[in-house]
Amino acid sequence: MATRSKSPQLAAFPAPSEDLSTPTREMNVPESELVREFIWSVVSLNAHLEDIHQFWAKRLGVTEPQWLILMAISDLDNGQGVSGIEVAAKIHVHPAFVTTQTKSLEKAGYLRRTVSAVDGRFVMMFLTDKARKEIDKLALLRDQINRSLFESLDNKLLKDVADKIARIDKDAEKIARRLSIED
């Protein structure tokens, strides 16, 4: 009986996403070096974004994960509230973590949790007026920081970069899932 290898097989991974609308560009730097540079840039960017999130969280008097939860609810809520599962998916954490953190946020007066009228198994979350008011106080400074952060990109280029990173993120998610299954 053959034993399953613990090392991933190249053929087991999905092929990279192909964008036929973008012409192939010749690379002057070996691909592995470009990939390493890109990954380290993303790691660095993530660290800086975490620092910025910690700044916002401190201003609001919450933890960084709680700040991200509030921002996810703000982004996702279309007036019907947001489930913990939706928030967990947006910020890539376990739904149980969202549950514990949102209970603290509710006690602090930043959000309201109610059982879904559509499906009683779900708790829907809404930002309170207090949360909206506090977030609005930060809006001017957030806009200034975002303008400074993205000043080198026009809207078209920013959309293009965001789309490409989203595609890489989806491919990375598939590969990470596959690696966790093979591990």
N, C-alpha and C. Protein backbone atom coordinates (compact mmCIF):
# COMPACT_ATOMS: atom_id res chain seq x y z
N MET A 1 0.84 -1.18 0.00
CA MET A 1 0.00 0.00 0.00
C MET A 1 0.89 1.24 0.00
N ALA A 2 0.61 2.16 -0.87
CA ALA A 2 1.41 3.38 -0.98
C ALA A 2 1.04 4.34 0.14
N THR A 3 2.06 5.00 0.68
CA THR A 3 1.80 6.00 1.71
C THR A 3 1.71 7.37 1.06
N ARG A 4 0.88 8.21 1.65
CA ARG A 4 0.68 9.55 1.10
C ARG A 4 1.83 10.44 1.53
N SER A 5 2.42 11.12 0.60
CA SER A 5 3.54 12.01 0.87
C SER A 5 3.05 13.23 1.62
N LYS A 6 3.81 13.67 2.61
CA LYS A 6 3.47 14.88 3.35
C LYS A 6 3.83 16.14 2.59
N SER A 7 4.75 16.03 1.65
CA SER A 7 5.12 17.23 0.89
C SER A 7 4.11 17.45 -0.23
N PRO A 8 3.66 18.70 -0.38
CA PRO A 8 2.66 18.97 -1.42
C PRO A 8 3.22 18.71 -2.80
N GLN A 9 2.36 18.24 -3.67
CA GLN A 9 2.74 17.99 -5.05
C GLN A 9 2.34 19.18 -5.89
N LEU A 10 3.21 19.61 -6.77
CA LEU A 10 2.95 20.78 -7.60
C LEU A 10 1.65 20.64 -8.38
N ALA A 11 1.39 19.45 -8.89
CA ALA A 11 0.19 19.25 -9.71
C ALA A 11 -1.08 19.35 -8.87
N ALA A 12 -0.96 19.23 -7.55
CA ALA A 12 -2.13 19.28 -6.68
C ALA A 12 -2.67 20.69 -6.51
N PHE A 13 -1.91 21.69 -6.90
CA PHE A 13 -2.33 23.07 -6.69
C PHE A 13 -2.96 23.64 -7.94
N PRO A 14 -3.92 24.55 -7.72
CA PRO A 14 -4.58 25.15 -8.88
C PRO A 14 -3.59 25.97 -9.69
N ALA A 15 -3.83 26.02 -10.97
CA ALA A 15 -3.00 26.86 -11.84
C ALA A 15 -3.25 28.31 -11.48
N PRO A 16 -2.25 29.18 -11.66
CA PRO A 16 -2.47 30.58 -11.37
C PRO A 16 -3.61 31.12 -12.23
N SER A 17 -4.28 32.13 -11.67
CA SER A 17 -5.36 32.77 -12.43
C SER A 17 -4.78 33.38 -13.69
N GLU A 18 -5.49 33.22 -14.77
CA GLU A 18 -5.03 33.80 -16.02
C GLU A 18 -5.90 34.97 -16.39
N ASP A 19 -5.26 36.06 -16.77
CA ASP A 19 -5.99 37.23 -17.22
C ASP A 19 -5.57 37.46 -18.66
N LEU A 20 -6.41 37.02 -19.57
CA LEU A 20 -6.07 37.10 -20.98
C LEU A 20 -6.11 38.53 -21.51
N SER A 21 -6.72 39.44 -20.73
CA SER A 21 -6.79 40.83 -21.19
C SER A 21 -5.49 41.59 -20.91
N THR A 22 -4.63 41.01 -20.06
CA THR A 22 -3.37 41.67 -19.74
C THR A 22 -2.24 41.00 -20.52
N PRO A 23 -1.49 41.78 -21.30
CA PRO A 23 -0.40 41.15 -22.06
C PRO A 23 0.68 40.62 -21.11
N THR A 24 1.32 39.55 -21.53
CA THR A 24 2.40 38.99 -20.74
C THR A 24 3.56 39.96 -20.76
N ARG A 25 4.11 40.21 -19.57
CA ARG A 25 5.23 41.13 -19.47
C ARG A 25 6.50 40.33 -19.23
N GLU A 26 7.55 40.75 -19.87
CA GLU A 26 8.83 40.10 -19.68
C GLU A 26 9.43 40.55 -18.36
N MET A 27 9.99 39.62 -17.60
CA MET A 27 10.60 39.95 -16.32
C MET A 27 12.11 40.04 -16.48
N ASN A 28 12.69 41.14 -15.96
CA ASN A 28 14.13 41.30 -15.97
C ASN A 28 14.77 40.69 -14.74
N VAL A 29 13.98 40.43 -13.71
CA VAL A 29 14.45 39.86 -12.46
C VAL A 29 13.93 38.43 -12.39
N PRO A 30 14.75 37.49 -11.90
CA PRO A 30 14.26 36.12 -11.79
C PRO A 30 12.94 36.08 -11.03
N GLU A 31 11.99 35.25 -11.51
CA GLU A 31 10.64 35.22 -10.94
C GLU A 31 10.65 34.97 -9.43
N SER A 32 11.48 34.06 -8.96
CA SER A 32 11.49 33.76 -7.53
C SER A 32 11.88 34.98 -6.71
N GLU A 33 12.79 35.80 -7.23
CA GLU A 33 13.19 37.02 -6.53
C GLU A 33 12.04 38.02 -6.52
N LEU A 34 11.33 38.16 -7.62
CA LEU A 34 10.16 39.05 -7.68
C LEU A 34 9.09 38.60 -6.69
N VAL A 35 8.85 37.30 -6.66
CA VAL A 35 7.84 36.78 -5.75
C VAL A 35 8.24 37.06 -4.30
N ARG A 36 9.51 36.80 -3.97
CA ARG A 36 9.98 37.07 -2.61
C ARG A 36 9.83 38.56 -2.27
N GLU A 37 10.22 39.43 -3.19
CA GLU A 37 10.09 40.88 -2.95
C GLU A 37 8.63 41.26 -2.74
N PHE A 38 7.75 40.71 -3.56
CA PHE A 38 6.32 41.01 -3.42
C PHE A 38 5.81 40.55 -2.06
N ILE A 39 6.14 39.32 -1.68
CA ILE A 39 5.66 38.77 -0.41
C ILE A 39 6.17 39.60 0.76
N TRP A 40 7.45 39.98 0.73
CA TRP A 40 7.98 40.81 1.83
C TRP A 40 7.33 42.18 1.86
N SER A 41 7.00 42.72 0.70
CA SER A 41 6.28 43.99 0.67
C SER A 41 4.90 43.86 1.29
N VAL A 42 4.23 42.76 1.01
CA VAL A 42 2.90 42.52 1.59
C VAL A 42 3.02 42.33 3.10
N VAL A 43 4.02 41.60 3.54
CA VAL A 43 4.24 41.41 4.98
C VAL A 43 4.48 42.76 5.66
N SER A 44 5.30 43.58 5.05
CA SER A 44 5.58 44.91 5.59
C SER A 44 4.33 45.78 5.61
N LEU A 45 3.59 45.77 4.51
CA LEU A 45 2.35 46.54 4.42
C LEU A 45 1.38 46.10 5.50
N ASN A 46 1.25 44.80 5.69
CA ASN A 46 0.35 44.28 6.72
C ASN A 46 0.75 44.80 8.11
N ALA A 47 2.04 44.79 8.40
CA ALA A 47 2.51 45.29 9.71
C ALA A 47 2.17 46.77 9.89
N HIS A 48 2.37 47.56 8.83
CA HIS A 48 2.05 48.99 8.92
C HIS A 48 0.55 49.22 9.06
N LEU A 49 -0.25 48.45 8.34
CA LEU A 49 -1.70 48.59 8.45
C LEU A 49 -2.18 48.19 9.85
N GLU A 50 -1.55 47.17 10.44
CA GLU A 50 -1.88 46.81 11.82
C GLU A 50 -1.57 47.96 12.76
N ASP A 51 -0.43 48.63 12.56
CA ASP A 51 -0.09 49.80 13.39
C ASP A 51 -1.15 50.90 13.25
N ILE A 52 -1.60 51.12 12.02
CA ILE A 52 -2.63 52.14 11.78
C ILE A 52 -3.94 51.71 12.44
N HIS A 53 -4.31 50.45 12.33
CA HIS A 53 -5.53 49.96 12.98
C HIS A 53 -5.43 50.11 14.49
N GLN A 54 -4.25 49.84 15.05
CA GLN A 54 -4.07 50.01 16.49
C GLN A 54 -4.25 51.47 16.90
N PHE A 55 -3.80 52.38 16.06
CA PHE A 55 -3.98 53.80 16.32
C PHE A 55 -5.47 54.13 16.41
N TRP A 56 -6.24 53.66 15.39
CA TRP A 56 -7.68 53.93 15.39
C TRP A 56 -8.36 53.28 16.59
N ALA A 57 -7.98 52.06 16.90
CA ALA A 57 -8.57 51.35 18.02
C ALA A 57 -8.33 52.10 19.33
N LYS A 58 -7.10 52.56 19.51
CA LYS A 58 -6.75 53.31 20.73
C LYS A 58 -7.59 54.58 20.83
N ARG A 59 -7.77 55.26 19.70
CA ARG A 59 -8.60 56.48 19.68
C ARG A 59 -10.03 56.20 20.11
N LEU A 60 -10.51 55.00 19.77
CA LEU A 60 -11.89 54.64 20.09
C LEU A 60 -11.99 53.94 21.46
N GLY A 61 -10.84 53.53 22.00
CA GLY A 61 -10.85 52.85 23.30
C GLY A 61 -11.19 51.38 23.22
N VAL A 62 -10.85 50.75 22.09
CA VAL A 62 -11.10 49.32 21.88
C VAL A 62 -9.80 48.65 21.44
N THR A 63 -9.83 47.34 21.31
CA THR A 63 -8.67 46.62 20.81
C THR A 63 -8.65 46.68 19.27
N GLU A 64 -7.51 46.33 18.69
CA GLU A 64 -7.43 46.32 17.22
C GLU A 64 -8.44 45.35 16.60
N PRO A 65 -8.56 44.10 17.11
CA PRO A 65 -9.58 43.22 16.53
C PRO A 65 -11.00 43.79 16.68
N GLN A 66 -11.27 44.46 17.79
CA GLN A 66 -12.59 45.06 17.96
C GLN A 66 -12.80 46.20 16.96
N TRP A 67 -11.75 46.96 16.69
CA TRP A 67 -11.84 48.01 15.67
C TRP A 67 -12.19 47.40 14.32
N LEU A 68 -11.50 46.31 13.97
CA LEU A 68 -11.76 45.66 12.68
C LEU A 68 -13.19 45.13 12.63
N ILE A 69 -13.69 44.61 13.73
CA ILE A 69 -15.08 44.14 13.78
C ILE A 69 -16.03 45.30 13.53
N LEU A 70 -15.80 46.43 14.19
CA LEU A 70 -16.67 47.59 13.99
C LEU A 70 -16.61 48.07 12.54
N MET A 71 -15.42 48.09 11.95
CA MET A 71 -15.29 48.53 10.56
C MET A 71 -15.96 47.55 9.61
N ALA A 72 -15.85 46.25 9.91
CA ALA A 72 -16.51 45.24 9.06
C ALA A 72 -18.02 45.40 9.13
N ILE A 73 -18.55 45.61 10.32
CA ILE A 73 -19.99 45.81 10.46
C ILE A 73 -20.41 47.06 9.71
N SER A 74 -19.63 48.13 9.85
CA SER A 74 -19.93 49.38 9.14
C SER A 74 -19.96 49.16 7.63
N ASP A 75 -18.99 48.42 7.11
CA ASP A 75 -18.90 48.17 5.67
C ASP A 75 -19.99 47.21 5.17
N LEU A 76 -20.33 46.22 5.97
CA LEU A 76 -21.23 45.17 5.51
C LEU A 76 -22.72 45.47 5.73
N ASP A 77 -23.03 46.32 6.70
CA ASP A 77 -24.43 46.52 7.06
C ASP A 77 -25.17 47.32 6.00
N ASN A 78 -26.24 46.73 5.49
CA ASN A 78 -27.09 47.40 4.50
C ASN A 78 -28.43 47.78 5.13
N GLY A 79 -28.44 47.89 6.45
CA GLY A 79 -29.65 48.23 7.17
C GLY A 79 -30.34 47.04 7.80
N GLN A 80 -29.91 45.84 7.46
CA GLN A 80 -30.50 44.61 7.99
C GLN A 80 -29.68 44.02 9.14
N GLY A 81 -28.53 44.63 9.42
CA GLY A 81 -27.62 44.07 10.41
C GLY A 81 -26.66 43.11 9.74
N VAL A 82 -25.69 42.64 10.50
CA VAL A 82 -24.65 41.77 9.98
C VAL A 82 -24.48 40.59 10.93
N SER A 83 -24.38 39.40 10.39
CA SER A 83 -24.17 38.21 11.23
C SER A 83 -22.70 38.09 11.60
N GLY A 84 -22.47 37.37 12.69
CA GLY A 84 -21.10 37.11 13.12
C GLY A 84 -20.31 36.33 12.08
N ILE A 85 -21.00 35.46 11.36
CA ILE A 85 -20.34 34.67 10.31
C ILE A 85 -19.82 35.59 9.20
N GLU A 86 -20.62 36.58 8.82
CA GLU A 86 -20.20 37.53 7.78
C GLU A 86 -18.98 38.33 8.25
N VAL A 87 -19.02 38.79 9.51
CA VAL A 87 -17.90 39.56 10.06
C VAL A 87 -16.65 38.68 10.11
N ALA A 88 -16.80 37.46 10.61
CA ALA A 88 -15.66 36.54 10.71
C ALA A 88 -15.02 36.31 9.34
N ALA A 89 -15.85 36.14 8.32
CA ALA A 89 -15.32 35.92 6.96
C ALA A 89 -14.58 37.16 6.46
N LYS A 90 -15.11 38.33 6.76
CA LYS A 90 -14.49 39.58 6.27
C LYS A 90 -13.11 39.80 6.89
N ILE A 91 -12.98 39.49 8.21
CA ILE A 91 -11.70 39.78 8.87
C ILE A 91 -10.87 38.51 9.10
N HIS A 92 -11.33 37.39 8.56
CA HIS A 92 -10.59 36.12 8.58
C HIS A 92 -10.26 35.64 10.00
N VAL A 93 -11.32 35.53 10.82
CA VAL A 93 -11.18 34.96 12.16
C VAL A 93 -12.32 33.96 12.36
N HIS A 94 -12.25 33.22 13.44
CA HIS A 94 -13.28 32.25 13.76
C HIS A 94 -14.53 32.97 14.27
N PRO A 95 -15.72 32.51 13.88
CA PRO A 95 -16.95 33.15 14.35
C PRO A 95 -17.07 33.24 15.88
N ALA A 96 -16.53 32.25 16.60
CA ALA A 96 -16.59 32.28 18.07
C ALA A 96 -15.82 33.48 18.62
N PHE A 97 -14.72 33.84 17.96
CA PHE A 97 -13.96 35.02 18.37
C PHE A 97 -14.80 36.27 18.19
N VAL A 98 -15.50 36.36 17.09
CA VAL A 98 -16.38 37.51 16.84
C VAL A 98 -17.45 37.58 17.93
N THR A 99 -18.01 36.44 18.29
CA THR A 99 -19.05 36.41 19.32
C THR A 99 -18.54 36.98 20.63
N THR A 100 -17.37 36.53 21.09
CA THR A 100 -16.85 37.02 22.37
C THR A 100 -16.52 38.51 22.30
N GLN A 101 -15.93 38.94 21.20
CA GLN A 101 -15.55 40.35 21.08
C GLN A 101 -16.77 41.26 20.94
N THR A 102 -17.79 40.80 20.24
CA THR A 102 -18.96 41.66 20.06
C THR A 102 -19.77 41.78 21.35
N LYS A 103 -19.69 40.78 22.20
CA LYS A 103 -20.33 40.91 23.52
C LYS A 103 -19.68 42.04 24.31
N SER A 104 -18.34 42.14 24.23
CA SER A 104 -17.63 43.24 24.90
C SER A 104 -17.98 44.58 24.27
N LEU A 105 -18.07 44.61 22.96
CA LEU A 105 -18.43 45.85 22.26
C LEU A 105 -19.86 46.27 22.59
N GLU A 106 -20.72 45.29 22.77
CA GLU A 106 -22.10 45.61 23.15
C GLU A 106 -22.13 46.22 24.55
N LYS A 107 -21.37 45.64 25.48
CA LYS A 107 -21.30 46.18 26.85
C LYS A 107 -20.75 47.60 26.85
N ALA A 108 -19.83 47.89 25.92
CA ALA A 108 -19.23 49.22 25.83
C ALA A 108 -20.15 50.22 25.11
N GLY A 109 -21.25 49.73 24.58
CA GLY A 109 -22.21 50.60 23.92
C GLY A 109 -21.94 50.88 22.46
N TYR A 110 -21.04 50.09 21.83
CA TYR A 110 -20.68 50.33 20.43
C TYR A 110 -21.55 49.57 19.44
N LEU A 111 -22.18 48.50 19.89
CA LEU A 111 -23.07 47.80 18.96
C LEU A 111 -24.22 47.16 19.70
N ARG A 112 -25.20 46.82 18.92
CA ARG A 112 -26.42 46.19 19.41
C ARG A 112 -26.52 44.84 18.71
N ARG A 113 -26.83 43.81 19.50
CA ARG A 113 -26.97 42.45 18.97
C ARG A 113 -28.41 42.02 19.17
N THR A 114 -29.02 41.51 18.10
CA THR A 114 -30.40 41.01 18.20
C THR A 114 -30.52 39.71 17.41
N VAL A 115 -31.43 38.87 17.83
CA VAL A 115 -31.68 37.62 17.11
C VAL A 115 -32.33 37.97 15.77
N SER A 116 -31.88 37.32 14.74
CA SER A 116 -32.40 37.57 13.39
C SER A 116 -33.89 37.26 13.32
N ALA A 117 -34.63 38.17 12.71
CA ALA A 117 -36.06 37.96 12.50
C ALA A 117 -36.30 36.90 11.43
N VAL A 118 -35.34 36.72 10.55
CA VAL A 118 -35.46 35.76 9.44
C VAL A 118 -35.08 34.35 9.88
N ASP A 119 -34.01 34.23 10.67
CA ASP A 119 -33.51 32.93 11.10
C ASP A 119 -33.00 33.06 12.52
N GLY A 120 -33.73 32.51 13.46
CA GLY A 120 -33.42 32.63 14.88
C GLY A 120 -32.09 32.04 15.30
N ARG A 121 -31.42 31.33 14.41
CA ARG A 121 -30.10 30.77 14.74
C ARG A 121 -29.00 31.83 14.67
N PHE A 122 -29.29 32.96 14.03
CA PHE A 122 -28.28 33.99 13.83
C PHE A 122 -28.53 35.21 14.69
N VAL A 123 -27.45 35.80 15.15
CA VAL A 123 -27.51 37.07 15.85
C VAL A 123 -27.05 38.13 14.86
N MET A 124 -27.85 39.16 14.71
CA MET A 124 -27.51 40.26 13.81
C MET A 124 -26.95 41.41 14.63
N MET A 125 -25.94 42.08 14.08
CA MET A 125 -25.27 43.16 14.80
C MET A 125 -25.42 44.47 14.05
N PHE A 126 -25.58 45.53 14.82
CA PHE A 126 -25.76 46.88 14.28
C PHE A 126 -24.87 47.82 15.08
N LEU A 127 -24.26 48.79 14.43
CA LEU A 127 -23.54 49.82 15.15
C LEU A 127 -24.55 50.71 15.87
N THR A 128 -24.20 51.17 17.06
CA THR A 128 -25.06 52.09 17.79
C THR A 128 -24.77 53.52 17.34
N ASP A 129 -25.63 54.44 17.75
CA ASP A 129 -25.39 55.86 17.46
C ASP A 129 -24.07 56.30 18.08
N LYS A 130 -23.77 55.78 19.26
CA LYS A 130 -22.49 56.10 19.92
C LYS A 130 -21.31 55.70 19.02
N ALA A 131 -21.36 54.50 18.47
CA ALA A 131 -20.27 54.02 17.61
C ALA A 131 -20.17 54.89 16.36
N ARG A 132 -21.30 55.17 15.74
CA ARG A 132 -21.28 55.99 14.52
C ARG A 132 -20.72 57.38 14.81
N LYS A 133 -21.11 57.96 15.93
CA LYS A 133 -20.64 59.29 16.30
C LYS A 133 -19.12 59.29 16.52
N GLU A 134 -18.63 58.28 17.23
CA GLU A 134 -17.19 58.19 17.51
C GLU A 134 -16.40 57.94 16.22
N ILE A 135 -16.91 57.08 15.37
CA ILE A 135 -16.25 56.80 14.09
C ILE A 135 -16.27 58.04 13.20
N ASP A 136 -17.38 58.77 13.21
CA ASP A 136 -17.47 60.01 12.42
C ASP A 136 -16.46 61.05 12.89
N LYS A 137 -16.17 61.09 14.21
CA LYS A 137 -15.17 62.03 14.73
C LYS A 137 -13.79 61.77 14.12
N LEU A 138 -13.54 60.52 13.78
CA LEU A 138 -12.24 60.13 13.22
C LEU A 138 -12.19 60.28 11.69
N ALA A 139 -13.33 60.55 11.07
CA ALA A 139 -13.43 60.51 9.61
C ALA A 139 -12.48 61.47 8.91
N LEU A 140 -12.36 62.69 9.39
CA LEU A 140 -11.49 63.67 8.72
C LEU A 140 -10.04 63.20 8.73
N LEU A 141 -9.57 62.76 9.88
CA LEU A 141 -8.19 62.28 9.97
C LEU A 141 -8.01 60.99 9.15
N ARG A 142 -8.99 60.12 9.16
CA ARG A 142 -8.91 58.89 8.35
C ARG A 142 -8.82 59.23 6.86
N ASP A 143 -9.62 60.20 6.42
CA ASP A 143 -9.57 60.62 5.02
C ASP A 143 -8.20 61.19 4.67
N GLN A 144 -7.62 62.00 5.56
CA GLN A 144 -6.30 62.57 5.31
C GLN A 144 -5.24 61.47 5.22
N ILE A 145 -5.31 60.52 6.12
CA ILE A 145 -4.33 59.42 6.11
C ILE A 145 -4.50 58.58 4.85
N ASN A 146 -5.74 58.27 4.48
CA ASN A 146 -5.97 57.47 3.27
C ASN A 146 -5.49 58.21 2.02
N ARG A 147 -5.74 59.51 1.96
CA ARG A 147 -5.25 60.29 0.80
C ARG A 147 -3.72 60.24 0.74
N SER A 148 -3.08 60.38 1.88
CA SER A 148 -1.62 60.33 1.93
C SER A 148 -1.11 58.94 1.54
N LEU A 149 -1.78 57.93 2.04
CA LEU A 149 -1.37 56.55 1.79
C LEU A 149 -1.48 56.18 0.31
N PHE A 150 -2.53 56.68 -0.35
CA PHE A 150 -2.79 56.29 -1.73
C PHE A 150 -2.60 57.41 -2.73
N GLU A 151 -1.85 58.46 -2.35
CA GLU A 151 -1.69 59.62 -3.23
C GLU A 151 -1.02 59.30 -4.56
N SER A 152 -0.22 58.25 -4.59
CA SER A 152 0.48 57.92 -5.83
C SER A 152 -0.40 57.14 -6.81
N LEU A 153 -1.62 56.81 -6.41
CA LEU A 153 -2.50 56.01 -7.26
C LEU A 153 -3.76 56.80 -7.62
N ASP A 154 -4.07 56.85 -8.92
CA ASP A 154 -5.37 57.42 -9.29
C ASP A 154 -6.41 56.32 -9.10
N ASN A 155 -7.68 56.65 -9.23
CA ASN A 155 -8.75 55.69 -8.98
C ASN A 155 -8.66 54.45 -9.87
N LYS A 156 -8.32 54.65 -11.13
CA LYS A 156 -8.23 53.51 -12.06
C LYS A 156 -7.10 52.56 -11.64
N LEU A 157 -5.94 53.13 -11.32
CA LEU A 157 -4.81 52.30 -10.91
C LEU A 157 -5.09 51.62 -9.57
N LEU A 158 -5.70 52.34 -8.63
CA LEU A 158 -6.04 51.75 -7.34
C LEU A 158 -6.99 50.57 -7.53
N LYS A 159 -7.98 50.71 -8.40
CA LYS A 159 -8.92 49.61 -8.67
C LYS A 159 -8.18 48.43 -9.29
N ASP A 160 -7.28 48.71 -10.23
CA ASP A 160 -6.51 47.66 -10.88
C ASP A 160 -5.65 46.90 -9.85
N VAL A 161 -4.96 47.63 -8.99
CA VAL A 161 -4.12 47.01 -7.96
C VAL A 161 -5.00 46.20 -7.01
N ALA A 162 -6.11 46.78 -6.57
CA ALA A 162 -7.01 46.08 -5.64
C ALA A 162 -7.55 44.80 -6.26
N ASP A 163 -7.92 44.85 -7.55
CA ASP A 163 -8.43 43.67 -8.24
C ASP A 163 -7.37 42.57 -8.32
N LYS A 164 -6.15 42.96 -8.64
CA LYS A 164 -5.07 41.98 -8.77
C LYS A 164 -4.72 41.36 -7.41
N ILE A 165 -4.68 42.18 -6.38
CA ILE A 165 -4.39 41.65 -5.05
C ILE A 165 -5.53 40.74 -4.59
N ALA A 166 -6.76 41.09 -4.89
CA ALA A 166 -7.90 40.24 -4.53
C ALA A 166 -7.78 38.88 -5.22
N ARG A 167 -7.34 38.89 -6.47
CA ARG A 167 -7.19 37.62 -7.19
C ARG A 167 -6.06 36.78 -6.58
N ILE A 168 -4.96 37.42 -6.22
CA ILE A 168 -3.87 36.71 -5.56
C ILE A 168 -4.34 36.17 -4.21
N ASP A 169 -5.13 36.96 -3.50
CA ASP A 169 -5.67 36.54 -2.20
C ASP A 169 -6.54 35.29 -2.35
N LYS A 170 -7.39 35.26 -3.36
CA LYS A 170 -8.24 34.08 -3.58
C LYS A 170 -7.40 32.85 -3.89
N ASP A 171 -6.38 33.02 -4.73
CA ASP A 171 -5.50 31.89 -5.05
C ASP A 171 -4.74 31.44 -3.80
N ALA A 172 -4.27 32.39 -2.98
CA ALA A 172 -3.55 32.05 -1.75
C ALA A 172 -4.46 31.32 -0.77
N GLU A 173 -5.73 31.74 -0.72
CA GLU A 173 -6.69 31.07 0.16
C GLU A 173 -6.88 29.62 -0.26
N LYS A 174 -7.02 29.38 -1.56
CA LYS A 174 -7.19 28.01 -2.07
C LYS A 174 -5.97 27.17 -1.72
N ILE A 175 -4.79 27.72 -1.93
CA ILE A 175 -3.57 26.97 -1.65
C ILE A 175 -3.41 26.72 -0.16
N ALA A 176 -3.69 27.73 0.66
CA ALA A 176 -3.59 27.55 2.11
C ALA A 176 -4.56 26.48 2.59
N ARG A 177 -5.77 26.47 2.04
CA ARG A 177 -6.76 25.45 2.40
C ARG A 177 -6.23 24.08 2.01
N ARG A 178 -5.67 23.99 0.81
CA ARG A 178 -5.13 22.71 0.32
C ARG A 178 -3.97 22.24 1.18
N LEU A 179 -3.10 23.17 1.60
CA LEU A 179 -1.96 22.80 2.46
C LEU A 179 -2.45 22.31 3.83
N SER A 180 -3.49 22.93 4.36
CA SER A 180 -3.99 22.50 5.66
C SER A 180 -4.62 21.12 5.58
N ILE A 181 -5.21 20.78 4.44
CA ILE A 181 -5.80 19.45 4.26
C ILE A 181 -4.70 18.41 4.14
N GLU A 182 -3.63 18.74 3.43
CA GLU A 182 -2.54 17.78 3.21
C GLU A 182 -1.66 17.63 4.45
N ASP A 183 -1.72 18.56 5.37
CA ASP A 183 -0.83 18.54 6.53
C ASP A 183 -1.25 17.52 7.53
